[in-house]
Protein backbone atom coordinates (compact mmCIF):
# COMPACT_ATOMS: atom_id res chain seq x y z
CA UNK A 1 124.52 203.48 213.91
CA UNK A 2 121.41 203.81 211.76
CA UNK A 3 120.48 200.17 212.33
CA UNK A 4 120.96 200.37 216.11
CA UNK A 5 119.05 203.63 216.38
CA UNK A 6 116.05 202.05 214.69
CA UNK A 7 116.31 199.01 216.96
CA UNK A 8 116.46 200.85 220.26
CA UNK A 9 115.03 204.35 219.93
CA UNK A 10 112.02 205.28 222.05
CA UNK A 11 109.01 205.58 219.67
CA UNK A 12 107.67 208.50 221.68
CA UNK A 13 110.89 210.49 221.58
CA UNK A 14 112.39 212.32 218.61
CA UNK A 15 115.84 210.87 217.93
CA UNK A 16 118.90 212.85 216.97
CA UNK A 17 119.90 212.22 213.36
CA UNK A 18 123.48 211.10 213.89
CA UNK A 19 124.07 210.40 210.19
CA UNK A 20 122.93 213.65 208.57
CA UNK A 21 126.52 214.66 207.84
CA UNK A 22 127.17 211.30 206.19
CA UNK A 23 124.27 211.92 203.82
CA UNK A 24 125.74 215.26 202.79
CA UNK A 25 129.12 213.67 202.08
CA UNK A 26 127.53 210.87 200.01
CA UNK A 27 125.35 213.25 198.01
CA UNK A 28 128.42 215.30 197.15
CA UNK A 29 130.44 212.18 196.31
CA UNK A 30 127.68 210.81 194.08
CA UNK A 31 127.01 214.08 192.22
CA UNK A 32 129.65 213.81 189.44
CA UNK A 33 128.85 211.69 186.41
CA UNK A 34 130.03 209.33 185.09
CA UNK A 35 130.84 207.38 188.25
CA UNK A 36 134.50 206.28 188.22
CA UNK A 37 134.61 204.25 191.42
CA UNK A 38 133.58 200.76 192.42
CA UNK A 39 129.95 199.63 192.14
CA UNK A 40 130.29 196.77 194.65
CA UNK A 41 129.04 196.08 198.16
CA UNK A 42 132.32 196.30 200.04
CA UNK A 43 133.53 199.65 198.68
CA UNK A 44 131.08 201.13 196.18
CA UNK A 45 127.56 201.95 195.04
CA UNK A 46 125.96 198.74 196.32
CA UNK A 47 127.33 199.37 199.80
CA UNK A 48 126.11 202.98 199.76
CA UNK A 49 122.69 201.58 198.82
CA UNK A 50 122.64 199.35 201.90
CA UNK A 51 123.20 202.43 204.08
CA UNK A 52 120.57 204.49 202.24
CA UNK A 53 118.00 201.67 202.35
CA UNK A 54 118.41 201.51 206.12
CA UNK A 55 117.56 205.26 206.19
CA UNK A 56 114.87 205.07 203.53
CA UNK A 57 112.31 207.00 205.61
CA UNK A 58 114.46 210.13 205.21
CA UNK A 59 114.25 212.18 202.01
CA UNK A 60 118.04 212.62 201.77
CA UNK A 61 118.54 208.85 201.79
CA UNK A 62 116.04 208.42 198.96
CA UNK A 63 117.95 211.09 197.03
CA UNK A 64 121.10 209.02 197.52
CA UNK A 65 119.30 205.95 196.17
CA UNK A 66 118.04 207.91 193.14
CA UNK A 67 121.58 209.01 192.30
CA UNK A 68 122.87 205.47 192.72
CA UNK A 69 120.19 204.22 190.33
CA UNK A 70 121.34 206.84 187.80
CA UNK A 71 124.92 205.61 188.05
CA UNK A 72 123.99 201.91 187.85
CA UNK A 73 121.91 202.63 184.76
CA UNK A 74 124.78 204.51 183.12
CA UNK A 75 127.36 201.84 184.01
CA UNK A 76 125.37 198.86 182.71
CA UNK A 77 126.75 197.38 179.49
CA UNK A 78 124.81 195.15 177.08
CA UNK A 79 125.92 191.55 176.69
CA UNK A 80 124.80 188.86 174.25
CA UNK A 81 122.31 187.90 176.95
CA UNK A 82 121.15 190.68 179.26
CA UNK A 83 123.31 193.38 180.80
CA UNK A 84 126.12 193.47 183.35
CA UNK A 85 128.35 195.83 185.32
CA UNK A 86 132.09 195.79 184.55
CA UNK A 87 134.99 196.39 186.90
CA UNK A 88 137.75 198.26 185.06
CA UNK A 89 141.34 197.00 185.07
CA UNK A 90 142.45 200.14 186.91
CA UNK A 91 140.40 199.02 189.93
CA UNK A 92 141.98 195.55 190.14
CA UNK A 93 145.05 194.45 192.13
CA UNK A 94 148.10 193.62 189.97
CA UNK A 95 147.65 189.85 190.07
CA UNK A 96 144.03 190.07 188.87
CA UNK A 97 144.97 192.62 186.21
CA UNK A 98 147.36 190.09 184.72
CA UNK A 99 144.51 187.57 184.41
CA UNK A 100 141.97 190.16 183.17
CA UNK A 101 143.97 192.97 181.52
CA UNK A 102 140.83 194.75 180.28
CA UNK A 103 138.90 194.25 183.54
CA UNK A 104 136.23 191.74 184.42
CA UNK A 105 132.62 191.01 185.33
CA UNK A 106 132.57 189.92 188.96
CA UNK A 107 130.19 187.10 189.97
CA UNK A 108 130.64 187.24 193.75
CA UNK A 109 128.33 188.83 196.31
CA UNK A 110 131.00 190.97 198.00
CA UNK A 111 132.42 192.61 194.89
CA UNK A 112 130.10 191.79 192.05
CA UNK A 113 126.85 191.83 190.16
CA UNK A 114 124.67 189.77 192.57
CA UNK A 115 124.75 192.60 195.12
CA UNK A 116 123.56 195.06 192.48
CA UNK A 117 120.61 192.80 191.67
CA UNK A 118 119.41 192.69 195.27
CA UNK A 119 119.63 196.46 195.83
CA UNK A 120 117.71 196.97 192.57
CA UNK A 121 115.00 194.65 193.88
CA UNK A 122 114.99 196.55 197.19
CA UNK A 123 114.65 199.85 195.30
CA UNK A 124 111.65 198.43 193.44
CA UNK A 125 110.14 197.42 196.75
CA UNK A 126 110.80 200.82 198.34
CA UNK A 127 109.33 202.59 195.29
CA UNK A 128 105.87 201.27 196.27
CA UNK A 129 105.95 203.78 199.13
CA UNK A 130 108.41 206.47 198.03
CA UNK A 131 107.82 208.37 194.80
CA UNK A 132 111.44 209.54 194.46
CA UNK A 133 112.42 206.03 193.37
CA UNK A 134 111.65 204.81 189.85
CA UNK A 135 110.49 201.20 190.03
CA UNK A 136 110.27 200.87 186.25
CA UNK A 137 113.93 201.76 185.67
CA UNK A 138 115.09 199.53 188.51
CA UNK A 139 113.00 196.63 187.17
CA UNK A 140 114.45 196.99 183.66
CA UNK A 141 118.00 196.83 185.02
CA UNK A 142 117.10 193.90 187.27
CA UNK A 143 115.59 191.90 184.41
CA UNK A 144 118.69 192.43 182.27
CA UNK A 145 121.08 191.66 185.10
CA UNK A 146 119.26 188.48 186.08
CA UNK A 147 119.27 187.27 182.47
CA UNK A 148 123.04 187.77 182.39
CA UNK A 149 123.82 186.10 185.74
CA UNK A 150 121.72 183.06 184.79
CA UNK A 151 123.64 182.84 181.50
CA UNK A 152 126.83 182.42 183.55
CA UNK A 153 125.74 179.14 185.14
CA UNK A 154 128.29 176.43 184.38
CA UNK A 155 128.39 172.64 184.62
CA UNK A 156 127.85 171.78 188.31
CA UNK A 157 130.41 168.98 187.94
CA UNK A 158 133.02 171.69 188.57
CA UNK A 159 131.65 171.88 192.14
CA UNK A 160 129.81 175.18 191.72
CA UNK A 161 127.43 176.82 189.26
CA UNK A 162 129.26 180.16 189.32
CA UNK A 163 132.91 181.06 188.87
CA UNK A 164 134.44 184.09 190.62
CA UNK A 165 134.67 186.36 187.59
CA UNK A 166 134.68 186.52 183.82
CA UNK A 167 137.19 188.65 181.84
CA UNK A 168 135.54 191.43 179.83
CA UNK A 169 136.57 189.93 176.53
CA UNK A 170 134.79 186.62 177.27
CA UNK A 171 131.07 185.97 177.11
CA UNK A 172 131.27 183.76 180.18
CA UNK A 173 133.83 182.51 182.66
CA UNK A 174 135.86 179.42 181.94
CA UNK A 175 134.40 176.48 183.85
CA UNK A 176 136.10 176.29 187.22
CA UNK A 177 135.19 175.33 190.77
CA UNK A 178 134.65 177.94 193.47
CA UNK A 179 134.65 178.08 197.26
CA UNK A 180 131.58 177.81 199.49
CA UNK A 181 131.43 181.25 201.06
CA UNK A 182 129.68 184.59 201.42
CA UNK A 183 132.15 186.65 199.39
CA UNK A 184 132.47 184.41 196.32
CA UNK A 185 130.70 181.29 195.19
CA UNK A 186 127.23 179.84 195.02
CA UNK A 187 126.20 180.10 198.67
CA UNK A 188 126.30 183.88 199.16
CA UNK A 189 124.79 184.46 195.72
CA UNK A 190 121.98 182.02 196.45
CA UNK A 191 120.78 184.05 199.46
CA UNK A 192 120.82 187.28 197.45
CA UNK A 193 118.96 185.78 194.49
CA UNK A 194 116.42 184.06 196.75
CA UNK A 195 115.47 187.46 198.16
CA UNK A 196 115.32 188.94 194.65
CA UNK A 197 112.98 186.13 193.62
CA UNK A 198 110.68 186.59 196.59
CA UNK A 199 110.53 190.38 196.31
CA UNK A 200 109.58 190.10 192.64
CA UNK A 201 107.43 186.96 192.90
CA UNK A 202 109.53 185.08 190.32
CA UNK A 203 109.30 181.36 191.03
CA UNK A 204 111.73 180.58 188.18
CA UNK A 205 114.40 182.76 189.80
CA UNK A 206 113.72 181.12 193.16
CA UNK A 207 114.28 177.68 191.63
CA UNK A 208 117.64 178.83 190.24
CA UNK A 209 118.71 180.35 193.55
CA UNK A 210 117.90 177.13 195.42
CA UNK A 211 119.84 175.04 192.91
CA UNK A 212 122.91 177.10 193.85
CA UNK A 213 122.24 176.60 197.56
CA UNK A 214 121.64 172.84 197.31
CA UNK A 215 124.87 172.29 195.40
CA UNK A 216 126.77 174.26 198.07
CA UNK A 217 125.08 172.23 200.83
CA UNK A 218 126.22 168.99 199.20
CA UNK A 219 129.89 169.96 199.41
CA UNK A 220 131.82 168.54 202.40
CA UNK A 221 133.82 171.02 204.45
CA UNK A 222 137.05 169.44 203.23
CA UNK A 223 136.39 170.56 199.65
CA UNK A 224 134.62 173.84 200.46
CA UNK A 225 137.70 176.06 200.60
CA UNK A 226 137.01 176.97 204.25
CA UNK A 227 140.24 177.65 206.13
CA UNK A 228 139.01 179.45 209.24
CA UNK A 229 135.92 180.51 211.17
CA UNK A 230 135.22 184.00 209.78
CA UNK A 231 131.99 185.39 208.30
CA UNK A 232 133.48 186.35 204.93
CA UNK A 233 134.76 182.98 203.76
CA UNK A 234 134.74 180.74 206.81
CA UNK A 235 132.55 178.41 208.82
CA UNK A 236 130.72 181.16 210.75
CA UNK A 237 129.42 182.73 207.56
CA UNK A 238 128.48 179.39 206.05
CA UNK A 239 126.65 178.30 209.19
CA UNK A 240 124.72 181.59 209.26
CA UNK A 241 123.72 181.32 205.59
CA UNK A 242 122.61 177.70 205.78
CA UNK A 243 120.63 178.52 208.91
CA UNK A 244 118.91 181.34 206.98
CA UNK A 245 118.18 178.98 204.09
CA UNK A 246 116.70 176.33 206.38
CA UNK A 247 114.50 178.92 208.10
CA UNK A 248 113.23 180.20 204.75
CA UNK A 249 112.68 176.86 203.00
CA UNK A 250 112.45 174.14 205.65
CA UNK A 251 114.71 171.91 203.52
CA UNK A 252 116.60 169.36 205.57
CA UNK A 253 119.77 169.57 203.46
CA UNK A 254 120.25 173.14 204.69
CA UNK A 255 119.77 172.13 208.33
CA UNK A 256 122.41 169.43 207.91
CA UNK A 257 124.83 171.87 206.28
CA UNK A 258 124.22 174.40 209.08
CA UNK A 259 125.06 171.77 211.69
CA UNK A 260 128.15 170.67 209.75
CA UNK A 261 129.61 174.18 209.62
CA UNK A 262 128.57 174.94 213.20
CA UNK A 263 130.54 171.90 214.35
CA UNK A 264 133.55 173.10 212.32
CA UNK A 265 133.19 176.55 213.90
CA UNK A 266 133.09 175.18 217.45
CA UNK A 267 136.03 172.84 216.87
CA UNK A 268 138.15 175.72 215.53
CA UNK A 269 138.18 177.47 218.90
CA UNK A 270 141.38 177.33 220.96
CA UNK A 271 140.45 177.57 224.68
CA UNK A 272 142.30 180.41 226.35
CA UNK A 273 143.25 182.04 223.07
CA UNK A 274 142.85 185.75 222.39
CA UNK A 275 139.65 187.28 220.99
CA UNK A 276 137.46 184.33 221.95
CA UNK A 277 140.03 181.69 221.06
CA UNK A 278 139.92 182.09 217.27
CA UNK A 279 142.63 182.75 214.70
CA UNK A 280 142.01 183.58 211.05
CA UNK A 281 143.76 182.86 207.76
CA UNK A 282 145.29 186.21 206.77
CA UNK A 283 148.49 185.53 204.82
CA UNK A 284 150.82 188.13 203.39
CA UNK A 285 150.87 187.99 199.58
CA UNK A 286 153.49 188.95 197.05
CA UNK A 287 152.82 190.86 193.80
CA UNK A 288 151.95 187.58 192.06
CA UNK A 289 149.30 186.75 194.64
CA UNK A 290 151.38 183.99 196.25
CA UNK A 291 151.41 183.40 200.02
CA UNK A 292 154.71 184.46 201.60
CA UNK A 293 153.82 184.13 205.31
CA UNK A 294 155.30 181.30 207.37
CA UNK A 295 152.30 181.28 209.75
CA UNK A 296 149.27 182.82 208.03
CA UNK A 297 146.90 182.49 211.01
CA UNK A 298 146.40 185.50 213.29
CA UNK A 299 143.95 186.73 215.97
CA UNK A 300 141.57 189.41 214.68
CA UNK A 301 138.75 191.12 216.61
CA UNK A 302 137.00 192.53 213.52
CA UNK A 303 133.55 191.92 212.06
CA UNK A 304 133.97 190.45 208.59
CA UNK A 305 137.17 188.44 208.99
CA UNK A 306 137.47 188.15 212.77
CA UNK A 307 136.00 187.21 216.12
CA UNK A 308 133.21 189.81 216.28
CA UNK A 309 131.56 188.16 213.28
CA UNK A 310 131.99 184.72 214.84
CA UNK A 311 130.23 185.92 217.99
CA UNK A 312 127.31 187.28 215.99
CA UNK A 313 126.96 184.03 214.03
CA UNK A 314 126.95 182.05 217.29
CA UNK A 315 124.20 184.30 218.66
CA UNK A 316 122.18 183.60 215.51
CA UNK A 317 122.76 179.87 216.00
CA UNK A 318 121.10 179.98 219.43
CA UNK A 319 118.08 181.84 218.13
CA UNK A 320 118.88 185.58 218.22
CA UNK A 321 117.44 187.06 215.00
CA UNK A 322 120.44 188.30 212.97
CA UNK A 323 118.87 191.43 211.50
CA UNK A 324 122.41 192.85 211.30
CA UNK A 325 123.11 190.60 208.32
CA UNK A 326 121.32 193.13 206.09
CA UNK A 327 124.74 194.77 205.74
CA UNK A 328 125.92 191.54 204.06
CA UNK A 329 122.82 191.43 201.81
CA UNK A 330 121.69 188.20 203.46
CA UNK A 331 118.31 189.68 204.41
CA UNK A 332 116.13 192.73 203.81
CA UNK A 333 114.03 194.84 206.13
CA UNK A 334 110.43 193.64 206.19
CA UNK A 335 108.70 197.02 206.47
CA UNK A 336 108.94 198.46 202.98
């Protein structure tokens, strides 16, 4: 609602603040310390930051961001290199808890540290205009977090520079390949870190972010882990991200990867099928995390894992600026 209101409101007419009540709820939710919930984009502090950054011209939204910064500062734990943000075992599903009984450090954009790094960079940028935000504190956390995430880079022979997560008791994740996707893996992280690098003017960070993206672009679809067309972990999301990368860098490898995933996306459509002709891989899982569904593909009209997201990615492919992808941390507003 906030995004659409900014897109379409009449500049000469005072708009109704449809989200004032949401601010009050968030301020109350964020008041207790220490924070016991998630810090991530999908269901925690990073996601609240995306909402507040969209409303940054309002004092209540900047108060929300200031409280989030307090919580992120309190939650950060020192590592041998830099700092990171842990996810406690109590917040994990049973199958992940068995693999990480003390909790883990998450390396994905949807649920992990890369999202924190981008909202910290955005807070630094917003602090140039709004005094309620402390750029110095945000920068200190960002420096420590970037040092840690770069220490997690593994041998690219595994197929990816970053694993999905690292158990708390380990200094780094065991070397393992990862999917090419928004939620986990090098591609989504590369877009977030590229924006961090450009906001802060760090050419060394930009070089690292592009190494992630180039490795992802070199992977054929067959080994990418893509099973459907969705934004979250499918060909629509990958096409959108490689299109963004090509627009921002001009590198031909990203154009080729965009076209590869766009072709996969178009071929996945079933003419005459429901919700635009797409079905999505959504299996039922048992307590051990094993698939128990005979046919795991289902129609879904939703945004992140369904046809609405596919439609938006297709609009981007034909040249409609996808400013909506700020909610996925794939871009930032340009008017800070």
